[in-house]
Amino acid sequence: MAVLVTRRRIVLLAASLLIALSAEALQSPGSTSKPDYQGTAVIVGLHPPPSALHPTRPVVVLHHEPIVGLMDEKMEMPFIAASTELFKGLKPGDHVEFGLKNTPDALLVIDLHPAPPPRRR
């Protein structure tokens, strides 16, 4: 259990550093941008700027399922959002579907909308 908690903290810290280092080079895509990757998640936090995660960009922290073609593990991590408009009507604990755009320096959330909770088997 302690190893899992430490690993999550390391992943979260690494993702936060990536956001801090790369956000200045990001440009918001137009509304017609198609996501490069899509996934499902539970919202952990919504952070409009300024926040402890980034001084000028909105950040959404997601506990996401594996993302086909990108990540084989589920994990909790922060992502820069294209706009705080994506946060409207959402709150921590909501199940969402999201779209990521691969920009030169980071993965950018360009789509974020409610999804039904996953079915229990």
PDB file of N, CA and C in Angstrom:
ATOM      1  N   MET A   1       0.831  -1.194   0.000  1.00  0.00           N
ATOM      2  CA  MET A   1       0.000   0.000   0.000  1.00  0.00           C
ATOM      3  C   MET A   1       0.868   1.247   0.000  1.00  0.00           C
ATOM      4  N   ALA A   2       1.919   1.277   0.830  1.00  0.00           N
ATOM      5  CA  ALA A   2       2.787   2.444   0.902  1.00  0.00           C
ATOM      6  C   ALA A   2       3.503   2.683  -0.422  1.00  0.00           C
ATOM      7  N   VAL A   3       3.868   1.613  -1.116  1.00  0.00           N
ATOM      8  CA  VAL A   3       4.536   1.744  -2.411  1.00  0.00           C
ATOM      9  C   VAL A   3       3.588   2.361  -3.421  1.00  0.00           C
ATOM     10  N   LEU A   4       2.300   1.947  -3.404  1.00  0.00           N
ATOM     11  CA  LEU A   4       1.297   2.484  -4.314  1.00  0.00           C
ATOM     12  C   LEU A   4       1.081   3.964  -4.061  1.00  0.00           C
ATOM     13  N   VAL A   5       0.975   4.365  -2.797  1.00  0.00           N
ATOM     14  CA  VAL A   5       0.787   5.772  -2.452  1.00  0.00           C
ATOM     15  C   VAL A   5       1.999   6.580  -2.906  1.00  0.00           C
ATOM     16  N   THR A   6       3.206   6.082  -2.652  1.00  0.00           N
ATOM     17  CA  THR A   6       4.419   6.783  -3.069  1.00  0.00           C
ATOM     18  C   THR A   6       4.468   6.899  -4.587  1.00  0.00           C
ATOM     19  N   ARG A   7       4.115   5.841  -5.297  1.00  0.00           N
ATOM     20  CA  ARG A   7       4.123   5.865  -6.765  1.00  0.00           C
ATOM     21  C   ARG A   7       3.138   6.903  -7.290  1.00  0.00           C
ATOM     22  N   ARG A   8       1.955   6.966  -6.705  1.00  0.00           N
ATOM     23  CA  ARG A   8       0.964   7.965  -7.120  1.00  0.00           C
ATOM     24  C   ARG A   8       1.489   9.373  -6.889  1.00  0.00           C
ATOM     25  N   ARG A   9       2.133   9.586  -5.768  1.00  0.00           N
ATOM     26  CA  ARG A   9       2.682  10.919  -5.475  1.00  0.00           C
ATOM     27  C   ARG A   9       3.764  11.284  -6.486  1.00  0.00           C
ATOM     28  N   ILE A  10       4.597  10.323  -6.847  1.00  0.00           N
ATOM     29  CA  ILE A  10       5.655  10.569  -7.826  1.00  0.00           C
ATOM     30  C   ILE A  10       5.043  10.911  -9.181  1.00  0.00           C
ATOM     31  N   VAL A  11       4.029  10.154  -9.600  1.00  0.00           N
ATOM     32  CA  VAL A  11       3.362  10.421 -10.884  1.00  0.00           C
ATOM     33  C   VAL A  11       2.707  11.798 -10.858  1.00  0.00           C
ATOM     34  N   LEU A  12       2.020  12.117  -9.775  1.00  0.00           N
ATOM     35  CA  LEU A  12       1.373  13.418  -9.655  1.00  0.00           C
ATOM     36  C   LEU A  12       2.399  14.544  -9.668  1.00  0.00           C
ATOM     37  N   LEU A  13       3.494  14.391  -8.964  1.00  0.00           N
ATOM     38  CA  LEU A  13       4.543  15.392  -8.945  1.00  0.00           C
ATOM     39  C   LEU A  13       5.161  15.564 -10.329  1.00  0.00           C
ATOM     40  N   ALA A  14       5.450  14.460 -11.012  1.00  0.00           N
ATOM     41  CA  ALA A  14       6.036  14.531 -12.356  1.00  0.00           C
ATOM     42  C   ALA A  14       5.081  15.222 -13.326  1.00  0.00           C
ATOM     43  N   ALA A  15       3.797  14.884 -13.245  1.00  0.00           N
ATOM     44  CA  ALA A  15       2.820  15.523 -14.128  1.00  0.00           C
ATOM     45  C   ALA A  15       2.702  17.016 -13.826  1.00  0.00           C
ATOM     46  N   SER A  16       2.731  17.369 -12.546  1.00  0.00           N
ATOM     47  CA  SER A  16       2.667  18.783 -12.162  1.00  0.00           C
ATOM     48  C   SER A  16       3.868  19.558 -12.696  1.00  0.00           C
ATOM     49  N   LEU A  17       5.045  18.952 -12.617  1.00  0.00           N
ATOM     50  CA  LEU A  17       6.237  19.605 -13.147  1.00  0.00           C
ATOM     51  C   LEU A  17       6.150  19.775 -14.653  1.00  0.00           C
ATOM     52  N   LEU A  18       5.641  18.759 -15.339  1.00  0.00           N
ATOM     53  CA  LEU A  18       5.462  18.852 -16.782  1.00  0.00           C
ATOM     54  C   LEU A  18       4.515  19.988 -17.136  1.00  0.00           C
ATOM     55  N   ILE A  19       3.435  20.114 -16.392  1.00  0.00           N
ATOM     56  CA  ILE A  19       2.492  21.204 -16.624  1.00  0.00           C
ATOM     57  C   ILE A  19       3.178  22.547 -16.411  1.00  0.00           C
ATOM     58  N   ALA A  20       3.896  22.681 -15.325  1.00  0.00           N
ATOM     59  CA  ALA A  20       4.554  23.952 -15.011  1.00  0.00           C
ATOM     60  C   ALA A  20       5.586  24.333 -16.065  1.00  0.00           C
ATOM     61  N   LEU A  21       6.327  23.364 -16.568  1.00  0.00           N
ATOM     62  CA  LEU A  21       7.384  23.660 -17.532  1.00  0.00           C
ATOM     63  C   LEU A  21       6.863  23.910 -18.939  1.00  0.00           C
ATOM     64  N   SER A  22       5.742  23.287 -19.293  1.00  0.00           N
ATOM     65  CA  SER A  22       5.311  23.338 -20.686  1.00  0.00           C
ATOM     66  C   SER A  22       4.144  24.271 -20.969  1.00  0.00           C
ATOM     67  N   ALA A  23       3.461  24.736 -19.972  1.00  0.00           N
ATOM     68  CA  ALA A  23       2.224  25.467 -20.196  1.00  0.00           C
ATOM     69  C   ALA A  23       2.409  26.763 -20.967  1.00  0.00           C
ATOM     70  N   GLU A  24       3.530  27.391 -20.830  1.00  0.00           N
ATOM     71  CA  GLU A  24       3.738  28.657 -21.520  1.00  0.00           C
ATOM     72  C   GLU A  24       3.729  28.483 -23.034  1.00  0.00           C
ATOM     73  N   ALA A  25       4.093  27.301 -23.519  1.00  0.00           N
ATOM     74  CA  ALA A  25       4.166  27.073 -24.956  1.00  0.00           C
ATOM     75  C   ALA A  25       2.853  26.578 -25.556  1.00  0.00           C
ATOM     76  N   LEU A  26       1.848  26.310 -24.704  1.00  0.00           N
ATOM     77  CA  LEU A  26       0.594  25.769 -25.210  1.00  0.00           C
ATOM     78  C   LEU A  26      -0.262  26.853 -25.846  1.00  0.00           C
ATOM     79  N   GLN A  27      -0.979  26.467 -26.883  1.00  0.00           N
ATOM     80  CA  GLN A  27      -1.968  27.343 -27.482  1.00  0.00           C
ATOM     81  C   GLN A  27      -3.272  26.578 -27.484  1.00  0.00           C
ATOM     82  N   SER A  28      -4.369  27.244 -27.118  1.00  0.00           N
ATOM     83  CA  SER A  28      -5.659  26.565 -27.087  1.00  0.00           C
ATOM     84  C   SER A  28      -6.095  26.239 -28.500  1.00  0.00           C
ATOM     85  N   PRO A  29      -6.548  25.017 -28.713  1.00  0.00           N
ATOM     86  CA  PRO A  29      -7.022  24.661 -30.032  1.00  0.00           C
ATOM     87  C   PRO A  29      -8.370  25.301 -30.318  1.00  0.00           C
ATOM     88  N   GLY A  30      -8.736  25.381 -31.578  1.00  0.00           N
ATOM     89  CA  GLY A  30     -10.044  25.903 -31.942  1.00  0.00           C
ATOM     90  C   GLY A  30     -11.127  24.922 -31.571  1.00  0.00           C
ATOM     91  N   SER A  31     -12.366  25.372 -31.621  1.00  0.00           N
ATOM     92  CA  SER A  31     -13.470  24.526 -31.213  1.00  0.00           C
ATOM     93  C   SER A  31     -13.659  23.331 -32.142  1.00  0.00           C
ATOM     94  N   THR A  32     -13.071  23.379 -33.339  1.00  0.00           N
ATOM     95  CA  THR A  32     -13.214  22.267 -34.274  1.00  0.00           C
ATOM     96  C   THR A  32     -12.109  21.222 -34.108  1.00  0.00           C
ATOM     97  N   SER A  33     -11.226  21.405 -33.142  1.00  0.00           N
ATOM     98  CA  SER A  33     -10.149  20.434 -32.929  1.00  0.00           C
ATOM     99  C   SER A  33     -10.719  19.088 -32.533  1.00  0.00           C
ATOM    100  N   LYS A  34     -10.189  18.060 -33.138  1.00  0.00           N
ATOM    101  CA  LYS A  34     -10.582  16.697 -32.814  1.00  0.00           C
ATOM    102  C   LYS A  34      -9.554  16.137 -31.831  1.00  0.00           C
ATOM    103  N   PRO A  35     -10.013  15.468 -30.761  1.00  0.00           N
ATOM    104  CA  PRO A  35      -9.050  14.913 -29.804  1.00  0.00           C
ATOM    105  C   PRO A  35      -8.212  13.799 -30.427  1.00  0.00           C
ATOM    106  N   ASP A  36      -6.967  13.720 -29.967  1.00  0.00           N
ATOM    107  CA  ASP A  36      -6.076  12.636 -30.377  1.00  0.00           C
ATOM    108  C   ASP A  36      -6.327  11.378 -29.554  1.00  0.00           C
ATOM    109  N   TYR A  37      -6.803  11.566 -28.318  1.00  0.00           N
ATOM    110  CA  TYR A  37      -7.083  10.455 -27.412  1.00  0.00           C
ATOM    111  C   TYR A  37      -8.375  10.753 -26.668  1.00  0.00           C
ATOM    112  N   GLN A  38      -9.087   9.692 -26.300  1.00  0.00           N
ATOM    113  CA  GLN A  38     -10.312   9.852 -25.530  1.00  0.00           C
ATOM    114  C   GLN A  38     -10.287   8.888 -24.355  1.00  0.00           C
ATOM    115  N   GLY A  39     -10.917   9.306 -23.258  1.00  0.00           N
ATOM    116  CA  GLY A  39     -10.931   8.460 -22.086  1.00  0.00           C
ATOM    117  C   GLY A  39     -12.114   8.735 -21.191  1.00  0.00           C
ATOM    118  N   THR A  40     -12.193   7.952 -20.129  1.00  0.00           N
ATOM    119  CA  THR A  40     -13.207   8.145 -19.101  1.00  0.00           C
ATOM    120  C   THR A  40     -12.496   8.310 -17.766  1.00  0.00           C
ATOM    121  N   ALA A  41     -13.137   9.048 -16.870  1.00  0.00           N
ATOM    122  CA  ALA A  41     -12.482   9.362 -15.600  1.00  0.00           C
ATOM    123  C   ALA A  41     -13.507   9.822 -14.574  1.00  0.00           C
ATOM    124  N   VAL A  42     -13.005  10.010 -13.357  1.00  0.00           N
ATOM    125  CA  VAL A  42     -13.739  10.684 -12.296  1.00  0.00           C
ATOM    126  C   VAL A  42     -12.953  11.953 -11.995  1.00  0.00           C
ATOM    127  N   ILE A  43     -13.670  13.069 -11.901  1.00  0.00           N
ATOM    128  CA  ILE A  43     -13.005  14.339 -11.584  1.00  0.00           C
ATOM    129  C   ILE A  43     -12.568  14.331 -10.119  1.00  0.00           C
ATOM    130  N   VAL A  44     -11.297  14.633  -9.904  1.00  0.00           N
ATOM    131  CA  VAL A  44     -10.747  14.754  -8.552  1.00  0.00           C
ATOM    132  C   VAL A  44     -10.734  16.224  -8.148  1.00  0.00           C
ATOM    133  N   GLY A  45     -10.384  17.103  -9.088  1.00  0.00           N
ATOM    134  CA  GLY A  45     -10.345  18.529  -8.789  1.00  0.00           C
ATOM    135  C   GLY A  45     -10.424  19.379 -10.039  1.00  0.00           C
ATOM    136  N   LEU A  46     -11.038  20.545  -9.904  1.00  0.00           N
ATOM    137  CA  LEU A  46     -11.114  21.542 -10.971  1.00  0.00           C
ATOM    138  C   LEU A  46     -10.437  22.810 -10.450  1.00  0.00           C
ATOM    139  N   HIS A  47      -9.411  23.270 -11.133  1.00  0.00           N
ATOM    140  CA  HIS A  47      -8.600  24.373 -10.636  1.00  0.00           C
ATOM    141  C   HIS A  47      -8.505  25.489 -11.670  1.00  0.00           C
ATOM    142  N   PRO A  48      -9.406  26.496 -11.566  1.00  0.00           N
ATOM    143  CA  PRO A  48      -9.244  27.642 -12.453  1.00  0.00           C
ATOM    144  C   PRO A  48      -8.000  28.419 -12.053  1.00  0.00           C
ATOM    145  N   PRO A  49      -7.422  29.174 -12.991  1.00  0.00           N
ATOM    146  CA  PRO A  49      -6.213  29.932 -12.633  1.00  0.00           C
ATOM    147  C   PRO A  49      -6.562  31.160 -11.802  1.00  0.00           C
ATOM    148  N   PRO A  50      -5.654  31.599 -10.997  1.00  0.00           N
ATOM    149  CA  PRO A  50      -4.394  30.951 -10.631  1.00  0.00           C
ATOM    150  C   PRO A  50      -4.657  29.855  -9.607  1.00  0.00           C
ATOM    151  N   SER A  51      -3.819  28.832  -9.638  1.00  0.00           N
ATOM    152  CA  SER A  51      -3.935  27.750  -8.657  1.00  0.00           C
ATOM    153  C   SER A  51      -2.531  27.282  -8.285  1.00  0.00           C
ATOM    154  N   ALA A  52      -2.469  26.396  -7.319  1.00  0.00           N
ATOM    155  CA  ALA A  52      -1.177  25.836  -6.920  1.00  0.00           C
ATOM    156  C   ALA A  52      -0.596  24.963  -8.031  1.00  0.00           C
ATOM    157  N   LEU A  53      -1.448  24.497  -8.956  1.00  0.00           N
ATOM    158  CA  LEU A  53      -0.970  23.649 -10.036  1.00  0.00           C
ATOM    159  C   LEU A  53      -0.477  24.440 -11.245  1.00  0.00           C
ATOM    160  N   HIS A  54      -1.048  25.625 -11.471  1.00  0.00           N
ATOM    161  CA  HIS A  54      -0.563  26.477 -12.560  1.00  0.00           C
ATOM    162  C   HIS A  54      -1.051  27.911 -12.354  1.00  0.00           C
ATOM    163  N   PRO A  55      -0.180  28.896 -12.555  1.00  0.00           N
ATOM    164  CA  PRO A  55      -0.563  30.279 -12.286  1.00  0.00           C
ATOM    165  C   PRO A  55      -1.507  30.893 -13.328  1.00  0.00           C
ATOM    166  N   THR A  56      -1.493  30.419 -14.567  1.00  0.00           N
ATOM    167  CA  THR A  56      -2.275  31.091 -15.609  1.00  0.00           C
ATOM    168  C   THR A  56      -3.206  30.197 -16.414  1.00  0.00           C
ATOM    169  N   ARG A  57      -3.134  28.895 -16.240  1.00  0.00           N
ATOM    170  CA  ARG A  57      -3.951  27.969 -17.034  1.00  0.00           C
ATOM    171  C   ARG A  57      -4.875  27.156 -16.139  1.00  0.00           C
ATOM    172  N   PRO A  58      -6.087  26.836 -16.619  1.00  0.00           N
ATOM    173  CA  PRO A  58      -6.959  25.953 -15.841  1.00  0.00           C
ATOM    174  C   PRO A  58      -6.411  24.527 -15.848  1.00  0.00           C
ATOM    175  N   VAL A  59      -6.592  23.833 -14.725  1.00  0.00           N
ATOM    176  CA  VAL A  59      -6.103  22.461 -14.583  1.00  0.00           C
ATOM    177  C   VAL A  59      -7.235  21.590 -14.047  1.00  0.00           C
ATOM    178  N   VAL A  60      -7.398  20.419 -14.648  1.00  0.00           N
ATOM    179  CA  VAL A  60      -8.349  19.431 -14.156  1.00  0.00           C
ATOM    180  C   VAL A  60      -7.550  18.210 -13.718  1.00  0.00           C
ATOM    181  N   VAL A  61      -7.848  17.729 -12.512  1.00  0.00           N
ATOM    182  CA  VAL A  61      -7.201  16.518 -12.016  1.00  0.00           C
ATOM    183  C   VAL A  61      -8.204  15.383 -12.196  1.00  0.00           C
ATOM    184  N   LEU A  62      -7.777  14.361 -12.936  1.00  0.00           N
ATOM    185  CA  LEU A  62      -8.649  13.239 -13.260  1.00  0.00           C
ATOM    186  C   LEU A  62      -8.072  11.932 -12.741  1.00  0.00           C
ATOM    187  N   HIS A  63      -8.943  11.083 -12.224  1.00  0.00           N
ATOM    188  CA  HIS A  63      -8.576   9.685 -11.951  1.00  0.00           C
ATOM    189  C   HIS A  63      -9.126   8.924 -13.147  1.00  0.00           C
ATOM    190  N   HIS A  64      -8.253   8.650 -14.117  1.00  0.00           N
ATOM    191  CA  HIS A  64      -8.717   8.114 -15.395  1.00  0.00           C
ATOM    192  C   HIS A  64      -8.448   6.626 -15.541  1.00  0.00           C
ATOM    193  N   GLU A  65      -9.269   6.027 -16.370  1.00  0.00           N
ATOM    194  CA  GLU A  65      -9.100   4.634 -16.776  1.00  0.00           C
ATOM    195  C   GLU A  65      -7.956   4.607 -17.796  1.00  0.00           C
ATOM    196  N   PRO A  66      -7.484   3.419 -18.202  1.00  0.00           N
ATOM    197  CA  PRO A  66      -6.478   3.373 -19.270  1.00  0.00           C
ATOM    198  C   PRO A  66      -6.969   4.149 -20.497  1.00  0.00           C
ATOM    199  N   ILE A  67      -6.043   4.828 -21.158  1.00  0.00           N
ATOM    200  CA  ILE A  67      -6.379   5.630 -22.341  1.00  0.00           C
ATOM    201  C   ILE A  67      -5.815   4.892 -23.557  1.00  0.00           C
ATOM    202  N   VAL A  68      -6.716   4.394 -24.394  1.00  0.00           N
ATOM    203  CA  VAL A  68      -6.323   3.579 -25.546  1.00  0.00           C
ATOM    204  C   VAL A  68      -5.308   4.338 -26.405  1.00  0.00           C
ATOM    205  N   GLY A  69      -4.187   3.669 -26.673  1.00  0.00           N
ATOM    206  CA  GLY A  69      -3.145   4.229 -27.505  1.00  0.00           C
ATOM    207  C   GLY A  69      -2.189   5.161 -26.786  1.00  0.00           C
ATOM    208  N   LEU A  70      -2.418   5.377 -25.475  1.00  0.00           N
ATOM    209  CA  LEU A  70      -1.578   6.324 -24.743  1.00  0.00           C
ATOM    210  C   LEU A  70      -1.046   5.745 -23.434  1.00  0.00           C
ATOM    211  N   MET A  71      -1.933   5.280 -22.557  1.00  0.00           N
ATOM    212  CA  MET A  71      -1.537   4.777 -21.239  1.00  0.00           C
ATOM    213  C   MET A  71      -2.300   3.502 -20.930  1.00  0.00           C
ATOM    214  N   ASP A  72      -1.586   2.474 -20.488  1.00  0.00           N
ATOM    215  CA  ASP A  72      -2.218   1.203 -20.170  1.00  0.00           C
ATOM    216  C   ASP A  72      -2.695   1.115 -18.724  1.00  0.00           C
ATOM    217  N   GLU A  73      -2.340   2.094 -17.902  1.00  0.00           N
ATOM    218  CA  GLU A  73      -2.702   2.066 -16.486  1.00  0.00           C
ATOM    219  C   GLU A  73      -3.748   3.109 -16.178  1.00  0.00           C
ATOM    220  N   LYS A  74      -4.564   2.819 -15.162  1.00  0.00           N
ATOM    221  CA  LYS A  74      -5.425   3.879 -14.650  1.00  0.00           C
ATOM    222  C   LYS A  74      -4.631   4.607 -13.574  1.00  0.00           C
ATOM    223  N   MET A  75      -4.831   5.907 -13.506  1.00  0.00           N
ATOM    224  CA  MET A  75      -4.100   6.700 -12.522  1.00  0.00           C
ATOM    225  C   MET A  75      -4.756   8.057 -12.335  1.00  0.00           C
ATOM    226  N   GLU A  76      -4.296   8.753 -11.327  1.00  0.00           N
ATOM    227  CA  GLU A  76      -4.753  10.103 -11.052  1.00  0.00           C
ATOM    228  C   GLU A  76      -3.663  11.064 -11.503  1.00  0.00           C
ATOM    229  N   MET A  77      -4.064  12.052 -12.335  1.00  0.00           N
ATOM    230  CA  MET A  77      -3.066  13.015 -12.781  1.00  0.00           C
ATOM    231  C   MET A  77      -3.720  14.316 -13.217  1.00  0.00           C
ATOM    232  N   PRO A  78      -2.973  15.406 -13.155  1.00  0.00           N
ATOM    233  CA  PRO A  78      -3.497  16.704 -13.599  1.00  0.00           C
ATOM    234  C   PRO A  78      -3.255  16.897 -15.093  1.00  0.00           C
ATOM    235  N   PHE A  79      -4.181  17.607 -15.732  1.00  0.00           N
ATOM    236  CA  PHE A  79      -4.060  17.990 -17.138  1.00  0.00           C
ATOM    237  C   PHE A  79      -4.421  19.463 -17.263  1.00  0.00           C
ATOM    238  N   ILE A  80      -3.740  20.182 -18.118  1.00  0.00           N
ATOM    239  CA  ILE A  80      -4.143  21.538 -18.438  1.00  0.00           C
ATOM    240  C   ILE A  80      -5.394  21.444 -19.292  1.00  0.00           C
ATOM    241  N   ALA A  81      -6.360  22.313 -19.024  1.00  0.00           N
ATOM    242  CA  ALA A  81      -7.602  22.360 -19.798  1.00  0.00           C
ATOM    243  C   ALA A  81      -7.538  23.525 -20.765  1.00  0.00           C
ATOM    244  N   ALA A  82      -8.162  23.356 -21.923  1.00  0.00           N
ATOM    245  CA  ALA A  82      -8.160  24.411 -22.937  1.00  0.00           C
ATOM    246  C   ALA A  82      -8.851  25.673 -22.428  1.00  0.00           C
ATOM    247  N   SER A  83      -9.840  25.500 -21.553  1.00  0.00           N
ATOM    248  CA  SER A  83     -10.604  26.642 -21.061  1.00  0.00           C
ATOM    249  C   SER A  83     -11.348  26.257 -19.795  1.00  0.00           C
ATOM    250  N   THR A  84     -11.645  27.251 -18.957  1.00  0.00           N
ATOM    251  CA  THR A  84     -12.471  26.992 -17.777  1.00  0.00           C
ATOM    252  C   THR A  84     -13.918  26.729 -18.191  1.00  0.00           C
ATOM    253  N   GLU A  85     -14.292  27.060 -19.419  1.00  0.00           N
ATOM    254  CA  GLU A  85     -15.636  26.758 -19.931  1.00  0.00           C
ATOM    255  C   GLU A  85     -15.915  25.259 -19.851  1.00  0.00           C
ATOM    256  N   LEU A  86     -14.875  24.441 -19.974  1.00  0.00           N
ATOM    257  CA  LEU A  86     -15.039  22.987 -19.899  1.00  0.00           C
ATOM    258  C   LEU A  86     -15.518  22.536 -18.521  1.00  0.00           C
ATOM    259  N   PHE A  87     -15.307  23.353 -17.494  1.00  0.00           N
ATOM    260  CA  PHE A  87     -15.654  23.007 -16.122  1.00  0.00           C
ATOM    261  C   PHE A  87     -17.142  23.215 -15.804  1.00  0.00           C
ATOM    262  N   LYS A  88     -17.848  23.975 -16.646  1.00  0.00           N
ATOM    263  CA  LYS A  88     -19.233  24.355 -16.345  1.00  0.00           C
ATOM    264  C   LYS A  88     -20.112  23.133 -16.123  1.00  0.00           C
ATOM    265  N   GLY A  89     -20.820  23.153 -15.003  1.00  0.00           N
ATOM    266  CA  GLY A  89     -21.748  22.086 -14.659  1.00  0.00           C
ATOM    267  C   GLY A  89     -21.093  20.837 -14.089  1.00  0.00           C
ATOM    268  N   LEU A  90     -19.782  20.855 -13.920  1.00  0.00           N
ATOM    269  CA  LEU A  90     -19.063  19.686 -13.406  1.00  0.00           C
ATOM    270  C   LEU A  90     -18.520  19.956 -12.013  1.00  0.00           C
ATOM    271  N   LYS A  91     -18.302  18.872 -11.265  1.00  0.00           N
ATOM    272  CA  LYS A  91     -17.749  18.992  -9.912  1.00  0.00           C
ATOM    273  C   LYS A  91     -16.949  17.740  -9.585  1.00  0.00           C
ATOM    274  N   PRO A  92     -16.076  17.813  -8.581  1.00  0.00           N
ATOM    275  CA  PRO A  92     -15.345  16.619  -8.169  1.00  0.00           C
ATOM    276  C   PRO A  92     -16.309  15.479  -7.844  1.00  0.00           C
ATOM    277  N   GLY A  93     -15.931  14.284  -8.268  1.00  0.00           N
ATOM    278  CA  GLY A  93     -16.767  13.104  -8.074  1.00  0.00           C
ATOM    279  C   GLY A  93     -17.587  12.741  -9.301  1.00  0.00           C
ATOM    280  N   ASP A  94     -17.733  13.686 -10.245  1.00  0.00           N
ATOM    281  CA  ASP A  94     -18.492  13.402 -11.462  1.00  0.00           C
ATOM    282  C   ASP A  94     -17.729  12.445 -12.372  1.00  0.00           C
ATOM    283  N   HIS A  95     -18.446  11.523 -12.978  1.00  0.00           N
ATOM    284  CA  HIS A  95     -17.884  10.644 -14.008  1.00  0.00           C
ATOM    285  C   HIS A  95     -17.937  11.412 -15.321  1.00  0.00           C
ATOM    286  N   VAL A  96     -16.822  11.436 -16.039  1.00  0.00           N
ATOM    287  CA  VAL A  96     -16.745  12.210 -17.274  1.00  0.00           C
ATOM    288  C   VAL A  96     -16.081  11.423 -18.395  1.00  0.00           C
ATOM    289  N   GLU A  97     -16.344  11.872 -19.593  1.00  0.00           N
ATOM    290  CA  GLU A  97     -15.596  11.462 -20.767  1.00  0.00           C
ATOM    291  C   GLU A  97     -14.765  12.674 -21.146  1.00  0.00           C
ATOM    292  N   PHE A  98     -13.538  12.448 -21.621  1.00  0.00           N
ATOM    293  CA  PHE A  98     -12.682  13.581 -21.954  1.00  0.00           C
ATOM    294  C   PHE A  98     -11.911  13.299 -23.230  1.00  0.00           C
ATOM    295  N   GLY A  99     -11.493  14.382 -23.872  1.00  0.00           N
ATOM    296  CA  GLY A  99     -10.679  14.287 -25.069  1.00  0.00           C
ATOM    297  C   GLY A  99      -9.379  15.038 -24.858  1.00  0.00           C
ATOM    298  N   LEU A 100      -8.272  14.434 -25.293  1.00  0.00           N
ATOM    299  CA  LEU A 100      -6.949  15.037 -25.157  1.00  0.00           C
ATOM    300  C   LEU A 100      -6.387  15.363 -26.530  1.00  0.00           C
ATOM    301  N   LYS A 101      -5.767  16.517 -26.638  1.00  0.00           N
ATOM    302  CA  LYS A 101      -5.047  16.910 -27.843  1.00  0.00           C
ATOM    303  C   LYS A 101      -3.564  16.861 -27.517  1.00  0.00           C
ATOM    304  N   ASN A 102      -2.799  16.203 -28.361  1.00  0.00           N
ATOM    305  CA  ASN A 102      -1.358  16.124 -28.167  1.00  0.00           C
ATOM    306  C   ASN A 102      -0.735  17.396 -28.740  1.00  0.00           C
ATOM    307  N   THR A 103      -0.289  18.289 -27.853  1.00  0.00           N
ATOM    308  CA  THR A 103       0.356  19.533 -28.280  1.00  0.00           C
ATOM    309  C   THR A 103       1.867  19.313 -28.217  1.00  0.00           C
ATOM    310  N   PRO A 104       2.659  20.229 -28.723  1.00  0.00           N
ATOM    311  CA  PRO A 104       4.110  20.025 -28.712  1.00  0.00           C
ATOM    312  C   PRO A 104       4.706  19.767 -27.325  1.00  0.00           C
ATOM    313  N   ASP A 105       4.072  20.289 -26.272  1.00  0.00           N
ATOM    314  CA  ASP A 105       4.675  20.174 -24.950  1.00  0.00           C
ATOM    315  C   ASP A 105       3.857  19.449 -23.891  1.00  0.00           C
ATOM    316  N   ALA A 106       2.602  19.145 -24.175  1.00  0.00           N
ATOM    317  CA  ALA A 106       1.768  18.495 -23.151  1.00  0.00           C
ATOM    318  C   ALA A 106       0.487  17.975 -23.779  1.00  0.00           C
ATOM    319  N   LEU A 107      -0.225  17.166 -23.012  1.00  0.00           N
ATOM    320  CA  LEU A 107      -1.558  16.737 -23.399  1.00  0.00           C
ATOM    321  C   LEU A 107      -2.554  17.751 -22.857  1.00  0.00           C
ATOM    322  N   LEU A 108      -3.418  18.259 -23.724  1.00  0.00           N
ATOM    323  CA  LEU A 108      -4.362  19.313 -23.377  1.00  0.00           C
ATOM    324  C   LEU A 108      -5.778  18.760 -23.426  1.00  0.00           C
ATOM    325  N   VAL A 109      -6.560  18.955 -22.345  1.00  0.00           N
ATOM    326  CA  VAL A 109      -7.960  18.538 -22.346  1.00  0.00           C
ATOM    327  C   VAL A 109      -8.744  19.541 -23.177  1.00  0.00           C
ATOM    328  N   ILE A 110      -9.345  19.049 -24.272  1.00  0.00           N
ATOM    329  CA  ILE A 110     -10.130  19.933 -25.141  1.00  0.00           C
ATOM    330  C   ILE A 110     -11.619  19.607 -25.088  1.00  0.00           C
ATOM    331  N   ASP A 111     -11.973  18.492 -24.440  1.00  0.00           N
ATOM    332  CA  ASP A 111     -13.367  18.095 -24.312  1.00  0.00           C
ATOM    333  C   ASP A 111     -13.537  17.436 -22.957  1.00  0.00           C
ATOM    334  N   LEU A 112     -14.588  17.836 -22.242  1.00  0.00           N
ATOM    335  CA  LEU A 112     -14.849  17.291 -20.910  1.00  0.00           C
ATOM    336  C   LEU A 112     -16.350  17.369 -20.691  1.00  0.00           C
ATOM    337  N   HIS A 113     -17.008  16.215 -20.604  1.00  0.00           N
ATOM    338  CA  HIS A 113     -18.452  16.230 -20.430  1.00  0.00           C
ATOM    339  C   HIS A 113     -18.910  15.032 -19.584  1.00  0.00           C
ATOM    340  N   PRO A 114     -20.099  15.167 -18.962  1.00  0.00           N
ATOM    341  CA  PRO A 114     -20.591  14.108 -18.087  1.00  0.00           C
ATOM    342  C   PRO A 114     -20.745  12.779 -18.820  1.00  0.00           C
ATOM    343  N   ALA A 115     -20.523  11.714 -18.082  1.00  0.00           N
ATOM    344  CA  ALA A 115     -20.716  10.356 -18.589  1.00  0.00           C
ATOM    345  C   ALA A 115     -21.461   9.566 -17.528  1.00  0.00           C
ATOM    346  N   PRO A 116     -22.205   8.567 -17.942  1.00  0.00           N
ATOM    347  CA  PRO A 116     -22.871   7.751 -16.917  1.00  0.00           C
ATOM    348  C   PRO A 116     -21.828   6.996 -16.094  1.00  0.00           C
ATOM    349  N   PRO A 117     -22.132   6.737 -14.817  1.00  0.00           N
ATOM    350  CA  PRO A 117     -21.190   5.974 -14.000  1.00  0.00           C
ATOM    351  C   PRO A 117     -20.993   4.591 -14.619  1.00  0.00           C
ATOM    352  N   PRO A 118     -19.798   4.022 -14.447  1.00  0.00           N
ATOM    353  CA  PRO A 118     -19.555   2.691 -15.012  1.00  0.00           C
ATOM    354  C   PRO A 118     -20.465   1.654 -14.352  1.00  0.00           C
ATOM    355  N   ARG A 119     -20.859   0.664 -15.134  1.00  0.00           N
ATOM    356  CA  ARG A 119     -21.708  -0.408 -14.614  1.00  0.00           C
ATOM    357  C   ARG A 119     -20.887  -1.347 -13.735  1.00  0.00           C
ATOM    358  N   ARG A 120     -21.481  -1.772 -12.665  1.00  0.00           N
ATOM    359  CA  ARG A 120     -20.831  -2.757 -11.788  1.00  0.00           C
ATOM    360  C   ARG A 120     -21.166  -4.139 -12.299  1.00  0.00           C
ATOM    361  N   ARG A 121     -20.184  -5.016 -12.236  1.00  0.00           N
ATOM    362  CA  ARG A 121     -20.405  -6.392 -12.708  1.00  0.00           C
ATOM    363  C   ARG A 121     -20.879  -7.271 -11.615  1.00  0.00           C
TER     364      ARG A 121
END
